[in-house]
Amino acid sequence: MTDRIKIDATELLSARMSADRLRVLLTLRDEAGQNVTISLPAGCINTVLTALPRSPDTGPLHALDTWSMEPVGNGHDLVLTLRTPEGMAISFSAKPWQLEGMATIATYGRRTRVPDKSVH
């Protein structure tokens, strides 16, 4: 087995595509002040980006046009698909309790309390 190298970067110096556009080259500065270049397959960049926590304020905000929900083949989970008016769609595998939590927040989680209706 070969030795594994761990790089603790302190700074990202550049990000560029390889000449053949098949790889992303990240040039980093490590803790010792040395420049190190990492080469990643271009296809894995979405995986890297989706692993990063993001605030809704930092990324694009898309309008929701339609949604659908259907059971997954395992009989336990659900597939939630959200679609924009432009036709972009993304699907999520979710547990029923997760979707119930979202519905609860949508119903009761408003910043300002909606007054109860009363009959006088």
Protein backbone atom coordinates (compact mmCIF):
# COMPACT_ATOMS: atom_id res chain seq x y z
CA MET A 1 0.00 0.00 0.00
CA THR A 2 1.34 3.44 -0.88
CA ASP A 3 1.63 6.28 1.61
CA ARG A 4 -1.24 8.74 1.54
CA ILE A 5 -0.55 12.46 1.44
CA LYS A 6 -2.68 14.91 3.37
CA ILE A 7 -2.46 18.55 2.37
CA ASP A 8 -3.75 21.19 4.76
CA ALA A 9 -4.17 24.22 2.54
CA THR A 10 -4.15 27.75 3.91
CA GLU A 11 -5.04 29.46 0.64
CA LEU A 12 -6.46 28.72 -2.80
CA LEU A 13 -4.19 30.44 -5.32
CA SER A 14 -5.90 29.46 -8.57
CA ALA A 15 -8.45 27.17 -10.15
CA ARG A 16 -8.28 26.41 -13.87
CA MET A 17 -9.15 23.75 -16.41
CA SER A 18 -6.49 21.50 -17.92
CA ALA A 19 -5.62 22.01 -21.59
CA ASP A 20 -7.82 19.05 -22.57
CA ARG A 21 -10.64 20.37 -20.31
CA LEU A 22 -11.00 16.98 -18.63
CA ARG A 23 -9.50 18.00 -15.27
CA VAL A 24 -9.69 20.90 -12.82
CA LEU A 25 -6.35 22.08 -11.49
CA LEU A 26 -6.36 23.67 -8.03
CA THR A 27 -3.19 25.41 -6.93
CA LEU A 28 -3.02 25.71 -3.14
CA ARG A 29 -0.60 27.07 -0.58
CA ASP A 30 0.04 24.55 2.19
CA GLU A 31 0.86 25.19 5.86
CA ALA A 32 4.60 25.23 5.05
CA GLY A 33 4.07 28.00 2.45
CA GLN A 34 4.68 25.68 -0.51
CA ASN A 35 2.52 25.77 -3.62
CA VAL A 36 0.81 22.45 -4.39
CA THR A 37 -1.36 21.63 -7.41
CA ILE A 38 -4.17 19.08 -7.16
CA SER A 39 -5.71 17.65 -10.33
CA LEU A 40 -9.33 16.44 -10.13
CA PRO A 41 -11.57 14.95 -12.81
CA ALA A 42 -13.89 17.73 -14.02
CA GLY A 43 -16.92 15.51 -13.44
CA CYS A 44 -16.40 15.47 -9.67
CA ILE A 45 -16.66 19.25 -9.16
CA ASN A 46 -20.44 19.13 -8.59
CA THR A 47 -19.84 16.59 -5.83
CA VAL A 48 -17.33 18.94 -4.20
CA LEU A 49 -19.68 21.92 -4.49
CA THR A 50 -22.72 20.12 -3.09
CA ALA A 51 -20.68 19.02 -0.07
CA LEU A 52 -20.16 22.65 0.95
CA PRO A 53 -22.67 24.25 3.30
CA ARG A 54 -24.26 27.31 1.72
CA SER A 55 -26.51 30.01 2.93
CA PRO A 56 -29.45 30.72 0.62
CA ASP A 57 -28.18 34.31 0.54
CA THR A 58 -24.94 33.29 -1.21
CA GLY A 59 -26.31 31.34 -4.14
CA PRO A 60 -28.92 31.78 -6.83
CA LEU A 61 -32.50 31.76 -5.68
CA HIS A 62 -34.89 29.93 -8.00
CA ALA A 63 -38.66 30.24 -8.13
CA LEU A 64 -40.58 27.02 -7.55
CA ASP A 65 -43.08 26.24 -10.28
CA THR A 66 -44.22 22.68 -9.61
CA TRP A 67 -43.33 19.76 -7.42
CA SER A 68 -44.12 16.07 -7.34
CA MET A 69 -43.70 13.29 -4.82
CA GLU A 70 -43.71 9.56 -5.38
CA PRO A 71 -42.60 6.46 -3.50
CA VAL A 72 -39.15 4.98 -4.03
CA GLY A 73 -38.91 1.31 -4.95
CA ASN A 74 -37.82 0.42 -1.40
CA GLY A 75 -41.32 1.27 -0.13
CA HIS A 76 -39.99 3.46 2.69
CA ASP A 77 -38.62 6.64 1.12
CA LEU A 78 -40.15 9.24 -1.17
CA VAL A 79 -38.76 11.08 -4.17
CA LEU A 80 -39.44 14.81 -4.00
CA THR A 81 -38.90 16.59 -7.34
CA LEU A 82 -38.86 20.39 -7.50
CA ARG A 83 -39.14 22.23 -10.85
CA THR A 84 -38.52 25.85 -11.84
CA PRO A 85 -40.55 27.77 -14.46
CA GLU A 86 -37.49 27.45 -16.76
CA GLY A 87 -37.72 23.65 -16.62
CA MET A 88 -34.80 22.97 -14.29
CA ALA A 89 -35.57 20.05 -11.96
CA ILE A 90 -33.86 18.43 -9.01
CA SER A 91 -34.97 15.32 -7.17
CA PHE A 92 -34.32 14.30 -3.59
CA SER A 93 -34.75 10.97 -1.84
CA ALA A 94 -36.34 11.80 1.51
CA LYS A 95 -37.72 10.03 4.56
CA PRO A 96 -41.39 10.69 5.32
CA TRP A 97 -40.44 12.31 8.65
CA GLN A 98 -38.21 14.81 6.81
CA LEU A 99 -41.06 15.89 4.56
CA GLU A 100 -43.41 16.03 7.53
CA GLY A 101 -40.91 18.34 9.24
CA MET A 102 -40.82 20.60 6.18
CA ALA A 103 -44.62 20.75 6.13
CA THR A 104 -44.68 21.58 9.84
CA ILE A 105 -42.19 24.41 9.38
CA ALA A 106 -44.14 25.73 6.38
CA THR A 107 -47.34 25.67 8.41
CA TYR A 108 -46.19 26.83 11.84
CA GLY A 109 -42.69 28.21 11.42
CA ARG A 110 -43.47 31.75 10.34
CA ARG A 111 -41.42 34.55 11.88
CA THR A 112 -44.57 36.40 12.86
CA ARG A 113 -47.43 34.50 14.35
CA VAL A 114 -50.60 34.45 12.30
CA PRO A 115 -53.42 35.36 14.68
CA ASP A 116 -55.94 32.63 15.38
CA LYS A 117 -59.28 33.23 13.74
CA SER A 118 -62.01 33.94 16.21
CA VAL A 119 -65.74 34.34 15.96
CA HIS A 120 -67.31 37.24 17.90
